[in-house]
PDB file of all heavy atoms in Angstrom:
ATOM      1  N   PHE A   1     117.307 -39.898 -92.509  1.00  0.00           N
ATOM      2  CA  PHE A   1     116.462 -40.268 -91.378  1.00  0.00           C
ATOM      3  C   PHE A   1     114.987 -40.219 -91.766  1.00  0.00           C
ATOM      4  O   PHE A   1     114.212 -41.104 -91.407  1.00  0.00           O
ATOM      5  CB  PHE A   1     116.731 -39.360 -90.170  1.00  0.00           C
ATOM      6  CG  PHE A   1     115.878 -39.697 -88.981  1.00  0.00           C
ATOM      7  CD1 PHE A   1     116.150 -40.802 -88.198  1.00  0.00           C
ATOM      8  CD2 PHE A   1     114.781 -38.914 -88.664  1.00  0.00           C
ATOM      9  CE1 PHE A   1     115.353 -41.132 -87.114  1.00  0.00           C
ATOM     10  CE2 PHE A   1     113.970 -39.234 -87.575  1.00  0.00           C
ATOM     11  CZ  PHE A   1     114.264 -40.339 -86.801  1.00  0.00           C
ATOM     12  N   THR A   2     114.585 -39.200 -92.499  1.00  0.00           N
ATOM     13  CA  THR A   2     113.190 -39.077 -92.934  1.00  0.00           C
ATOM     14  C   THR A   2     112.818 -40.228 -93.860  1.00  0.00           C
ATOM     15  O   THR A   2     111.723 -40.790 -93.757  1.00  0.00           O
ATOM     16  CB  THR A   2     112.976 -37.723 -93.647  1.00  0.00           C
ATOM     17  OG1 THR A   2     113.390 -36.674 -92.788  1.00  0.00           O
ATOM     18  CG2 THR A   2     111.519 -37.532 -94.034  1.00  0.00           C
ATOM     19  N   TRP A   3     113.728 -40.589 -94.744  1.00  0.00           N
ATOM     20  CA  TRP A   3     113.496 -41.694 -95.675  1.00  0.00           C
ATOM     21  C   TRP A   3     113.274 -43.001 -94.919  1.00  0.00           C
ATOM     22  O   TRP A   3     112.294 -43.706 -95.150  1.00  0.00           O
ATOM     23  CB  TRP A   3     114.686 -41.808 -96.632  1.00  0.00           C
ATOM     24  CG  TRP A   3     114.616 -42.932 -97.609  1.00  0.00           C
ATOM     25  CD1 TRP A   3     113.807 -43.019 -98.701  1.00  0.00           C
ATOM     26  CD2 TRP A   3     115.397 -44.134 -97.586  1.00  0.00           C
ATOM     27  NE1 TRP A   3     114.044 -44.204 -99.370  1.00  0.00           N
ATOM     28  CE2 TRP A   3     115.006 -44.902 -98.706  1.00  0.00           C
ATOM     29  CE3 TRP A   3     116.383 -44.624 -96.737  1.00  0.00           C
ATOM     30  CZ2 TRP A   3     115.576 -46.142 -98.990  1.00  0.00           C
ATOM     31  CZ3 TRP A   3     116.950 -45.849 -97.022  1.00  0.00           C
ATOM     32  CH2 TRP A   3     116.549 -46.596 -98.137  1.00  0.00           C
ATOM     33  N   ILE A   4     114.147 -43.294 -93.989  1.00  0.00           N
ATOM     34  CA  ILE A   4     114.024 -44.557 -93.250  1.00  0.00           C
ATOM     35  C   ILE A   4     112.846 -44.510 -92.278  1.00  0.00           C
ATOM     36  O   ILE A   4     112.189 -45.517 -92.027  1.00  0.00           O
ATOM     37  CB  ILE A   4     115.347 -44.950 -92.566  1.00  0.00           C
ATOM     38  CG1 ILE A   4     115.345 -46.449 -92.276  1.00  0.00           C
ATOM     39  CG2 ILE A   4     115.609 -44.135 -91.328  1.00  0.00           C
ATOM     40  CD1 ILE A   4     116.705 -47.036 -92.031  1.00  0.00           C
ATOM     41  N   LEU A   5     112.545 -43.325 -91.763  1.00  0.00           N
ATOM     42  CA  LEU A   5     111.384 -43.172 -90.885  1.00  0.00           C
ATOM     43  C   LEU A   5     110.089 -43.449 -91.649  1.00  0.00           C
ATOM     44  O   LEU A   5     109.171 -44.072 -91.114  1.00  0.00           O
ATOM     45  CB  LEU A   5     111.353 -41.774 -90.273  1.00  0.00           C
ATOM     46  CG  LEU A   5     110.256 -41.504 -89.257  1.00  0.00           C
ATOM     47  CD1 LEU A   5     110.418 -42.425 -88.044  1.00  0.00           C
ATOM     48  CD2 LEU A   5     110.294 -40.050 -88.801  1.00  0.00           C
ATOM     49  N   ASN A   6     110.013 -43.034 -92.900  1.00  0.00           N
ATOM     50  CA  ASN A   6     108.831 -43.331 -93.725  1.00  0.00           C
ATOM     51  C   ASN A   6     108.696 -44.822 -93.968  1.00  0.00           C
ATOM     52  O   ASN A   6     107.590 -45.363 -93.940  1.00  0.00           O
ATOM     53  CB  ASN A   6     108.885 -42.570 -95.050  1.00  0.00           C
ATOM     54  CG  ASN A   6     108.478 -41.129 -94.891  1.00  0.00           C
ATOM     55  OD1 ASN A   6     107.676 -40.783 -94.037  1.00  0.00           O
ATOM     56  ND2 ASN A   6     109.048 -40.269 -95.709  1.00  0.00           N
ATOM     57  N   ILE A   7     109.815 -45.497 -94.208  1.00  0.00           N
ATOM     58  CA  ILE A   7     109.782 -46.953 -94.368  1.00  0.00           C
ATOM     59  C   ILE A   7     109.253 -47.589 -93.088  1.00  0.00           C
ATOM     60  O   ILE A   7     108.407 -48.485 -93.109  1.00  0.00           O
ATOM     61  CB  ILE A   7     111.183 -47.508 -94.722  1.00  0.00           C
ATOM     62  CG1 ILE A   7     111.623 -47.013 -96.099  1.00  0.00           C
ATOM     63  CG2 ILE A   7     111.182 -49.036 -94.679  1.00  0.00           C
ATOM     64  CD1 ILE A   7     113.073 -47.331 -96.441  1.00  0.00           C
ATOM     65  N   ALA A   8     109.740 -47.096 -91.944  1.00  0.00           N
ATOM     66  CA  ALA A   8     109.329 -47.631 -90.644  1.00  0.00           C
ATOM     67  C   ALA A   8     107.844 -47.386 -90.378  1.00  0.00           C
ATOM     68  O   ALA A   8     107.124 -48.275 -89.919  1.00  0.00           O
ATOM     69  CB  ALA A   8     110.170 -47.007 -89.535  1.00  0.00           C
ATOM     70  N   ARG A   9     107.402 -46.186 -90.666  1.00  0.00           N
ATOM     71  CA  ARG A   9     105.990 -45.847 -90.443  1.00  0.00           C
ATOM     72  C   ARG A   9     105.092 -46.752 -91.278  1.00  0.00           C
ATOM     73  O   ARG A   9     104.100 -47.305 -90.788  1.00  0.00           O
ATOM     74  CB  ARG A   9     105.744 -44.378 -90.785  1.00  0.00           C
ATOM     75  CG  ARG A   9     104.324 -43.906 -90.485  1.00  0.00           C
ATOM     76  CD  ARG A   9     104.116 -42.469 -90.917  1.00  0.00           C
ATOM     77  NE  ARG A   9     104.237 -42.281 -92.336  1.00  0.00           N
ATOM     78  CZ  ARG A   9     103.280 -42.548 -93.223  1.00  0.00           C
ATOM     79  NH1 ARG A   9     102.131 -43.028 -92.829  1.00  0.00           N
ATOM     80  NH2 ARG A   9     103.468 -42.337 -94.507  1.00  0.00           N
ATOM     81  N   ASN A  10     105.441 -46.933 -92.534  1.00  0.00           N
ATOM     82  CA  ASN A  10     104.638 -47.792 -93.406  1.00  0.00           C
ATOM     83  C   ASN A  10     104.639 -49.242 -92.913  1.00  0.00           C
ATOM     84  O   ASN A  10     103.605 -49.911 -92.930  1.00  0.00           O
ATOM     85  CB  ASN A  10     105.144 -47.720 -94.845  1.00  0.00           C
ATOM     86  CG  ASN A  10     104.858 -46.367 -95.477  1.00  0.00           C
ATOM     87  OD1 ASN A  10     103.977 -45.637 -95.044  1.00  0.00           O
ATOM     88  ND2 ASN A  10     105.621 -46.025 -96.491  1.00  0.00           N
ATOM     89  N   ALA A  11     105.789 -49.715 -92.468  1.00  0.00           N
ATOM     90  CA  ALA A  11     105.874 -51.086 -91.950  1.00  0.00           C
ATOM     91  C   ALA A  11     105.020 -51.245 -90.691  1.00  0.00           C
ATOM     92  O   ALA A  11     104.341 -52.262 -90.513  1.00  0.00           O
ATOM     93  CB  ALA A  11     107.329 -51.454 -91.663  1.00  0.00           C
ATOM     94  N   ALA A  12     105.048 -50.242 -89.819  1.00  0.00           N
ATOM     95  CA  ALA A  12     104.252 -50.306 -88.591  1.00  0.00           C
ATOM     96  C   ALA A  12     102.755 -50.280 -88.905  1.00  0.00           C
ATOM     97  O   ALA A  12     101.979 -51.025 -88.307  1.00  0.00           O
ATOM     98  CB  ALA A  12     104.625 -49.148 -87.667  1.00  0.00           C
ATOM     99  N   ILE A  13     102.376 -49.441 -89.837  1.00  0.00           N
ATOM    100  CA  ILE A  13     100.960 -49.375 -90.226  1.00  0.00           C
ATOM    101  C   ILE A  13     100.525 -50.694 -90.842  1.00  0.00           C
ATOM    102  O   ILE A  13      99.441 -51.207 -90.538  1.00  0.00           O
ATOM    103  CB  ILE A  13     100.709 -48.184 -91.177  1.00  0.00           C
ATOM    104  CG1 ILE A  13     100.844 -46.873 -90.397  1.00  0.00           C
ATOM    105  CG2 ILE A  13      99.343 -48.284 -91.839  1.00  0.00           C
ATOM    106  CD1 ILE A  13     100.868 -45.630 -91.265  1.00  0.00           C
ATOM    107  N   ASP A  14     101.371 -51.272 -91.674  1.00  0.00           N
ATOM    108  CA  ASP A  14     101.054 -52.574 -92.263  1.00  0.00           C
ATOM    109  C   ASP A  14     100.863 -53.620 -91.168  1.00  0.00           C
ATOM    110  O   ASP A  14      99.964 -54.453 -91.242  1.00  0.00           O
ATOM    111  CB  ASP A  14     102.159 -53.028 -93.222  1.00  0.00           C
ATOM    112  CG  ASP A  14     102.188 -52.234 -94.512  1.00  0.00           C
ATOM    113  OD1 ASP A  14     101.200 -51.513 -94.789  1.00  0.00           O
ATOM    114  OD2 ASP A  14     103.195 -52.333 -95.242  1.00  0.00           O
ATOM    115  N   GLU A  15     101.716 -53.584 -90.161  1.00  0.00           N
ATOM    116  CA  GLU A  15     101.613 -54.538 -89.053  1.00  0.00           C
ATOM    117  C   GLU A  15     100.295 -54.360 -88.302  1.00  0.00           C
ATOM    118  O   GLU A  15      99.610 -55.328 -88.020  1.00  0.00           O
ATOM    119  CB  GLU A  15     102.783 -54.353 -88.088  1.00  0.00           C
ATOM    120  CG  GLU A  15     102.668 -55.130 -86.805  1.00  0.00           C
ATOM    121  CD  GLU A  15     102.673 -56.644 -86.991  1.00  0.00           C
ATOM    122  OE1 GLU A  15     103.107 -57.136 -88.039  1.00  0.00           O
ATOM    123  OE2 GLU A  15     102.215 -57.334 -86.056  1.00  0.00           O
ATOM    124  N   VAL A  16      99.952 -53.130 -88.007  1.00  0.00           N
ATOM    125  CA  VAL A  16      98.704 -52.868 -87.278  1.00  0.00           C
ATOM    126  C   VAL A  16      97.508 -53.326 -88.100  1.00  0.00           C
ATOM    127  O   VAL A  16      96.583 -53.941 -87.582  1.00  0.00           O
ATOM    128  CB  VAL A  16      98.587 -51.371 -86.912  1.00  0.00           C
ATOM    129  CG1 VAL A  16      97.194 -51.034 -86.421  1.00  0.00           C
ATOM    130  CG2 VAL A  16      99.619 -51.017 -85.856  1.00  0.00           C
ATOM    131  N   ARG A  17      97.534 -53.049 -89.367  1.00  0.00           N
ATOM    132  CA  ARG A  17      96.419 -53.461 -90.221  1.00  0.00           C
ATOM    133  C   ARG A  17      96.310 -54.976 -90.281  1.00  0.00           C
ATOM    134  O   ARG A  17      95.221 -55.524 -90.215  1.00  0.00           O
ATOM    135  CB  ARG A  17      96.586 -52.897 -91.625  1.00  0.00           C
ATOM    136  CG  ARG A  17      96.287 -51.426 -91.690  1.00  0.00           C
ATOM    137  CD  ARG A  17      96.458 -50.900 -93.085  1.00  0.00           C
ATOM    138  NE  ARG A  17      96.150 -49.482 -93.134  1.00  0.00           N
ATOM    139  CZ  ARG A  17      96.547 -48.683 -94.089  1.00  0.00           C
ATOM    140  NH1 ARG A  17      97.269 -49.148 -95.095  1.00  0.00           N
ATOM    141  NH2 ARG A  17      96.234 -47.412 -94.066  1.00  0.00           N
ATOM    142  N   SER A  18      97.412 -55.657 -90.407  1.00  0.00           N
ATOM    143  CA  SER A  18      97.333 -57.115 -90.501  1.00  0.00           C
ATOM    144  C   SER A  18      96.889 -57.719 -89.175  1.00  0.00           C
ATOM    145  O   SER A  18      96.080 -58.625 -89.144  1.00  0.00           O
ATOM    146  CB  SER A  18      98.671 -57.710 -90.939  1.00  0.00           C
ATOM    147  OG  SER A  18      99.640 -57.584 -89.930  1.00  0.00           O
ATOM    148  N   LYS A  19      97.371 -57.193 -88.071  1.00  0.00           N
ATOM    149  CA  LYS A  19      96.963 -57.694 -86.764  1.00  0.00           C
ATOM    150  C   LYS A  19      95.486 -57.407 -86.540  1.00  0.00           C
ATOM    151  O   LYS A  19      94.737 -58.270 -86.103  1.00  0.00           O
ATOM    152  CB  LYS A  19      97.808 -57.022 -85.676  1.00  0.00           C
ATOM    153  CG  LYS A  19      97.513 -57.511 -84.285  1.00  0.00           C
ATOM    154  CD  LYS A  19      98.408 -56.827 -83.276  1.00  0.00           C
ATOM    155  CE  LYS A  19      98.082 -57.273 -81.874  1.00  0.00           C
ATOM    156  NZ  LYS A  19      98.869 -56.562 -80.877  1.00  0.00           N
ATOM    157  N   SER A  20      95.078 -56.202 -86.880  1.00  0.00           N
ATOM    158  CA  SER A  20      93.681 -55.816 -86.736  1.00  0.00           C
ATOM    159  C   SER A  20      92.800 -56.713 -87.593  1.00  0.00           C
ATOM    160  O   SER A  20      91.735 -57.163 -87.157  1.00  0.00           O
ATOM    161  CB  SER A  20      93.504 -54.360 -87.149  1.00  0.00           C
ATOM    162  OG  SER A  20      92.147 -54.025 -87.208  1.00  0.00           O
ATOM    163  N   PHE A  21      93.243 -56.983 -88.802  1.00  0.00           N
ATOM    164  CA  PHE A  21      92.472 -57.830 -89.698  1.00  0.00           C
ATOM    165  C   PHE A  21      92.299 -59.213 -89.097  1.00  0.00           C
ATOM    166  O   PHE A  21      91.202 -59.777 -89.103  1.00  0.00           O
ATOM    167  CB  PHE A  21      93.174 -57.915 -91.057  1.00  0.00           C
ATOM    168  CG  PHE A  21      92.446 -58.754 -92.056  1.00  0.00           C
ATOM    169  CD1 PHE A  21      91.288 -58.293 -92.656  1.00  0.00           C
ATOM    170  CD2 PHE A  21      92.899 -60.007 -92.401  1.00  0.00           C
ATOM    171  CE1 PHE A  21      90.610 -59.054 -93.582  1.00  0.00           C
ATOM    172  CE2 PHE A  21      92.235 -60.784 -93.322  1.00  0.00           C
ATOM    173  CZ  PHE A  21      91.087 -60.307 -93.911  1.00  0.00           C
ATOM    174  N   LYS A  22      93.364 -59.779 -88.553  1.00  0.00           N
ATOM    175  CA  LYS A  22      93.286 -61.108 -87.946  1.00  0.00           C
ATOM    176  C   LYS A  22      92.329 -61.113 -86.760  1.00  0.00           C
ATOM    177  O   LYS A  22      91.548 -62.034 -86.588  1.00  0.00           O
ATOM    178  CB  LYS A  22      94.670 -61.573 -87.504  1.00  0.00           C
ATOM    179  CG  LYS A  22      95.585 -61.917 -88.653  1.00  0.00           C
ATOM    180  CD  LYS A  22      96.972 -62.245 -88.165  1.00  0.00           C
ATOM    181  CE  LYS A  22      97.933 -62.386 -89.332  1.00  0.00           C
ATOM    182  NZ  LYS A  22      99.319 -62.523 -88.886  1.00  0.00           N
ATOM    183  N   GLU A  23      92.387 -60.065 -85.942  1.00  0.00           N
ATOM    184  CA  GLU A  23      91.498 -60.006 -84.779  1.00  0.00           C
ATOM    185  C   GLU A  23      90.047 -59.815 -85.202  1.00  0.00           C
ATOM    186  O   GLU A  23      89.146 -60.405 -84.623  1.00  0.00           O
ATOM    187  CB  GLU A  23      91.928 -58.872 -83.850  1.00  0.00           C
ATOM    188  CG  GLU A  23      93.210 -59.162 -83.114  1.00  0.00           C
ATOM    189  CD  GLU A  23      93.707 -57.976 -82.316  1.00  0.00           C
ATOM    190  OE1 GLU A  23      93.120 -56.881 -82.399  1.00  0.00           O
ATOM    191  OE2 GLU A  23      94.703 -58.147 -81.617  1.00  0.00           O
ATOM    192  N   GLN A  24      89.833 -59.007 -86.224  1.00  0.00           N
ATOM    193  CA  GLN A  24      88.468 -58.763 -86.673  1.00  0.00           C
ATOM    194  C   GLN A  24      87.848 -60.015 -87.255  1.00  0.00           C
ATOM    195  O   GLN A  24      86.647 -60.211 -87.166  1.00  0.00           O
ATOM    196  CB  GLN A  24      88.437 -57.635 -87.704  1.00  0.00           C
ATOM    197  CG  GLN A  24      88.643 -56.280 -87.085  1.00  0.00           C
ATOM    198  CD  GLN A  24      88.686 -55.186 -88.137  1.00  0.00           C
ATOM    199  OE1 GLN A  24      88.764 -55.437 -89.320  1.00  0.00           O
ATOM    200  NE2 GLN A  24      88.638 -53.955 -87.679  1.00  0.00           N
ATOM    201  N   LYS A  25      88.641 -60.876 -87.839  1.00  0.00           N
ATOM    202  CA  LYS A  25      88.111 -62.123 -88.395  1.00  0.00           C
ATOM    203  C   LYS A  25      87.588 -63.031 -87.294  1.00  0.00           C
ATOM    204  O   LYS A  25      86.821 -63.941 -87.559  1.00  0.00           O
ATOM    205  CB  LYS A  25      89.179 -62.850 -89.207  1.00  0.00           C
ATOM    206  CG  LYS A  25      89.386 -62.250 -90.555  1.00  0.00           C
ATOM    207  CD  LYS A  25      90.146 -63.193 -91.425  1.00  0.00           C
ATOM    208  CE  LYS A  25      90.004 -62.715 -92.841  1.00  0.00           C
ATOM    209  NZ  LYS A  25      89.958 -63.747 -93.797  1.00  0.00           N
ATOM    210  N   GLN A  26      88.009 -62.773 -86.067  1.00  0.00           N
ATOM    211  CA  GLN A  26      87.544 -63.597 -84.964  1.00  0.00           C
ATOM    212  C   GLN A  26      86.285 -63.030 -84.324  1.00  0.00           C
ATOM    213  O   GLN A  26      85.746 -63.606 -83.398  1.00  0.00           O
ATOM    214  CB  GLN A  26      88.645 -63.710 -83.905  1.00  0.00           C
ATOM    215  CG  GLN A  26      89.868 -64.447 -84.414  1.00  0.00           C
ATOM    216  CD  GLN A  26      91.012 -64.400 -83.436  1.00  0.00           C
ATOM    217  OE1 GLN A  26      90.920 -63.776 -82.385  1.00  0.00           O
ATOM    218  NE2 GLN A  26      92.089 -65.058 -83.775  1.00  0.00           N
ATOM    219  N   ASN A  27      85.847 -61.874 -84.808  1.00  0.00           N
ATOM    220  CA  ASN A  27      84.641 -61.268 -84.257  1.00  0.00           C
ATOM    221  C   ASN A  27      83.417 -62.116 -84.567  1.00  0.00           C
ATOM    222  O   ASN A  27      83.439 -63.003 -85.395  1.00  0.00           O
ATOM    223  CB  ASN A  27      84.434 -59.862 -84.834  1.00  0.00           C
ATOM    224  CG  ASN A  27      85.361 -58.850 -84.219  1.00  0.00           C
ATOM    225  OD1 ASN A  27      85.998 -59.104 -83.205  1.00  0.00           O
ATOM    226  ND2 ASN A  27      85.447 -57.698 -84.842  1.00  0.00           N
ATOM    227  N   LEU A  28      82.348 -61.763 -83.918  1.00  0.00           N
ATOM    228  CA  LEU A  28      81.091 -62.466 -84.140  1.00  0.00           C
ATOM    229  C   LEU A  28      80.588 -62.268 -85.562  1.00  0.00           C
ATOM    230  O   LEU A  28      80.739 -61.211 -86.143  1.00  0.00           O
ATOM    231  CB  LEU A  28      80.035 -61.932 -83.163  1.00  0.00           C
ATOM    232  CG  LEU A  28      80.351 -62.063 -81.685  1.00  0.00           C
ATOM    233  CD1 LEU A  28      79.252 -61.396 -80.870  1.00  0.00           C
ATOM    234  CD2 LEU A  28      80.517 -63.499 -81.293  1.00  0.00           C
ATOM    235  N   THR A  29      79.965 -63.292 -86.093  1.00  0.00           N
ATOM    236  CA  THR A  29      79.344 -63.169 -87.405  1.00  0.00           C
ATOM    237  C   THR A  29      77.918 -62.648 -87.210  1.00  0.00           C
ATOM    238  O   THR A  29      77.385 -62.657 -86.098  1.00  0.00           O
ATOM    239  CB  THR A  29      79.277 -64.534 -88.117  1.00  0.00           C
ATOM    240  OG1 THR A  29      78.430 -65.396 -87.362  1.00  0.00           O
ATOM    241  CG2 THR A  29      80.659 -65.138 -88.271  1.00  0.00           C
ATOM    242  N   VAL A  30      77.298 -62.245 -88.282  1.00  0.00           N
ATOM    243  CA  VAL A  30      75.915 -61.776 -88.213  1.00  0.00           C
ATOM    244  C   VAL A  30      75.019 -62.902 -87.702  1.00  0.00           C
ATOM    245  O   VAL A  30      74.129 -62.676 -86.883  1.00  0.00           O
ATOM    246  CB  VAL A  30      75.435 -61.283 -89.602  1.00  0.00           C
ATOM    247  CG1 VAL A  30      73.937 -61.071 -89.606  1.00  0.00           C
ATOM    248  CG2 VAL A  30      76.131 -59.992 -89.957  1.00  0.00           C
ATOM    249  N   ASP A  31      75.253 -64.128 -88.169  1.00  0.00           N
ATOM    250  CA  ASP A  31      74.430 -65.259 -87.731  1.00  0.00           C
ATOM    251  C   ASP A  31      74.492 -65.419 -86.217  1.00  0.00           C
ATOM    252  O   ASP A  31      73.468 -65.638 -85.563  1.00  0.00           O
ATOM    253  CB  ASP A  31      74.892 -66.566 -88.394  1.00  0.00           C
ATOM    254  CG  ASP A  31      74.685 -66.550 -89.897  1.00  0.00           C
ATOM    255  OD1 ASP A  31      73.779 -65.819 -90.355  1.00  0.00           O
ATOM    256  OD2 ASP A  31      75.420 -67.257 -90.591  1.00  0.00           O
ATOM    257  N   TYR A  32      75.684 -65.300 -85.670  1.00  0.00           N
ATOM    258  CA  TYR A  32      75.839 -65.433 -84.227  1.00  0.00           C
ATOM    259  C   TYR A  32      75.139 -64.282 -83.515  1.00  0.00           C
ATOM    260  O   TYR A  32      74.463 -64.464 -82.512  1.00  0.00           O
ATOM    261  CB  TYR A  32      77.326 -65.475 -83.861  1.00  0.00           C
ATOM    262  CG  TYR A  32      77.571 -65.738 -82.401  1.00  0.00           C
ATOM    263  CD1 TYR A  32      77.324 -66.998 -81.852  1.00  0.00           C
ATOM    264  CD2 TYR A  32      78.053 -64.735 -81.580  1.00  0.00           C
ATOM    265  CE1 TYR A  32      77.552 -67.239 -80.510  1.00  0.00           C
ATOM    266  CE2 TYR A  32      78.281 -64.976 -80.244  1.00  0.00           C
ATOM    267  CZ  TYR A  32      78.030 -66.231 -79.713  1.00  0.00           C
ATOM    268  OH  TYR A  32      78.251 -66.462 -78.385  1.00  0.00           O
ATOM    269  N   PHE A  33      75.288 -63.071 -84.091  1.00  0.00           N
ATOM    270  CA  PHE A  33      74.651 -61.896 -83.511  1.00  0.00           C
ATOM    271  C   PHE A  33      73.136 -62.051 -83.515  1.00  0.00           C
ATOM    272  O   PHE A  33      72.462 -61.788 -82.524  1.00  0.00           O
ATOM    273  CB  PHE A  33      75.073 -60.657 -84.309  1.00  0.00           C
ATOM    274  CG  PHE A  33      74.529 -59.364 -83.771  1.00  0.00           C
ATOM    275  CD1 PHE A  33      74.893 -58.898 -82.530  1.00  0.00           C
ATOM    276  CD2 PHE A  33      73.647 -58.612 -84.534  1.00  0.00           C
ATOM    277  CE1 PHE A  33      74.397 -57.706 -82.044  1.00  0.00           C
ATOM    278  CE2 PHE A  33      73.149 -57.423 -84.056  1.00  0.00           C
ATOM    279  CZ  PHE A  33      73.528 -56.971 -82.812  1.00  0.00           C
ATOM    280  N   VAL A  34      72.596 -62.500 -84.642  1.00  0.00           N
ATOM    281  CA  VAL A  34      71.150 -62.730 -84.731  1.00  0.00           C
ATOM    282  C   VAL A  34      70.741 -63.790 -83.718  1.00  0.00           C
ATOM    283  O   VAL A  34      69.705 -63.677 -83.063  1.00  0.00           O
ATOM    284  CB  VAL A  34      70.729 -63.130 -86.167  1.00  0.00           C
ATOM    285  CG1 VAL A  34      69.278 -63.583 -86.203  1.00  0.00           C
ATOM    286  CG2 VAL A  34      70.936 -61.950 -87.106  1.00  0.00           C
ATOM    287  N   GLY A  35      71.563 -64.843 -83.564  1.00  0.00           N
ATOM    288  CA  GLY A  35      71.275 -65.891 -82.583  1.00  0.00           C
ATOM    289  C   GLY A  35      71.199 -65.338 -81.170  1.00  0.00           C
ATOM    290  O   GLY A  35      70.334 -65.725 -80.385  1.00  0.00           O
ATOM    291  N   ILE A  36      72.108 -64.442 -80.842  1.00  0.00           N
ATOM    292  CA  ILE A  36      72.085 -63.813 -79.515  1.00  0.00           C
ATOM    293  C   ILE A  36      70.799 -63.013 -79.360  1.00  0.00           C
ATOM    294  O   ILE A  36      70.133 -63.064 -78.329  1.00  0.00           O
ATOM    295  CB  ILE A  36      73.312 -62.908 -79.304  1.00  0.00           C
ATOM    296  CG1 ILE A  36      74.571 -63.762 -79.176  1.00  0.00           C
ATOM    297  CG2 ILE A  36      73.148 -62.029 -78.070  1.00  0.00           C
ATOM    298  CD1 ILE A  36      75.857 -62.965 -79.167  1.00  0.00           C
ATOM    299  N   LEU A  37      70.441 -62.283 -80.406  1.00  0.00           N
ATOM    300  CA  LEU A  37      69.219 -61.487 -80.338  1.00  0.00           C
ATOM    301  C   LEU A  37      67.991 -62.380 -80.179  1.00  0.00           C
ATOM    302  O   LEU A  37      67.074 -62.056 -79.434  1.00  0.00           O
ATOM    303  CB  LEU A  37      69.081 -60.620 -81.598  1.00  0.00           C
ATOM    304  CG  LEU A  37      70.124 -59.526 -81.773  1.00  0.00           C
ATOM    305  CD1 LEU A  37      69.903 -58.800 -83.100  1.00  0.00           C
ATOM    306  CD2 LEU A  37      70.100 -58.551 -80.625  1.00  0.00           C
ATOM    307  N   GLU A  38      67.984 -63.512 -80.879  1.00  0.00           N
ATOM    308  CA  GLU A  38      66.846 -64.423 -80.778  1.00  0.00           C
ATOM    309  C   GLU A  38      66.753 -65.043 -79.391  1.00  0.00           C
ATOM    310  O   GLU A  38      65.667 -65.346 -78.919  1.00  0.00           O
ATOM    311  CB  GLU A  38      66.966 -65.532 -81.835  1.00  0.00           C
ATOM    312  CG  GLU A  38      66.709 -65.038 -83.228  1.00  0.00           C
ATOM    313  CD  GLU A  38      66.955 -66.109 -84.283  1.00  0.00           C
ATOM    314  OE1 GLU A  38      67.650 -67.102 -84.004  1.00  0.00           O
ATOM    315  OE2 GLU A  38      66.446 -65.926 -85.399  1.00  0.00           O
ATOM    316  N   ALA A  39      67.888 -65.217 -78.746  1.00  0.00           N
ATOM    317  CA  ALA A  39      67.913 -65.845 -77.432  1.00  0.00           C
ATOM    318  C   ALA A  39      67.515 -64.885 -76.310  1.00  0.00           C
ATOM    319  O   ALA A  39      67.330 -65.306 -75.179  1.00  0.00           O
ATOM    320  CB  ALA A  39      69.306 -66.413 -77.155  1.00  0.00           C
ATOM    321  N   THR A  40      67.400 -63.605 -76.636  1.00  0.00           N
ATOM    322  CA  THR A  40      67.022 -62.635 -75.618  1.00  0.00           C
ATOM    323  C   THR A  40      65.599 -62.923 -75.166  1.00  0.00           C
ATOM    324  O   THR A  40      64.664 -62.869 -75.960  1.00  0.00           O
ATOM    325  CB  THR A  40      67.108 -61.191 -76.160  1.00  0.00           C
ATOM    326  OG1 THR A  40      68.437 -60.981 -76.632  1.00  0.00           O
ATOM    327  CG2 THR A  40      66.766 -60.179 -75.102  1.00  0.00           C
ATOM    328  N   GLU A  41      65.463 -63.221 -73.899  1.00  0.00           N
ATOM    329  CA  GLU A  41      64.149 -63.615 -73.389  1.00  0.00           C
ATOM    330  C   GLU A  41      63.310 -62.433 -72.941  1.00  0.00           C
ATOM    331  O   GLU A  41      62.111 -62.429 -73.101  1.00  0.00           O
ATOM    332  CB  GLU A  41      64.333 -64.604 -72.235  1.00  0.00           C
ATOM    333  CG  GLU A  41      64.924 -65.922 -72.692  1.00  0.00           C
ATOM    334  CD  GLU A  41      65.156 -66.876 -71.541  1.00  0.00           C
ATOM    335  OE1 GLU A  41      64.671 -66.607 -70.422  1.00  0.00           O
ATOM    336  OE2 GLU A  41      65.815 -67.891 -71.763  1.00  0.00           O
TER     337      GLU A  41
END
């Protein structure tokens, strides 16, 4: 059970990291952030 639980834990962590990575790639870029700052009136 411990052996298979370790496999499961690693697979779940890999999934979270890959999902997180995909979501983070959709975040604002520095250029966009600077643009927002420049637009502040």
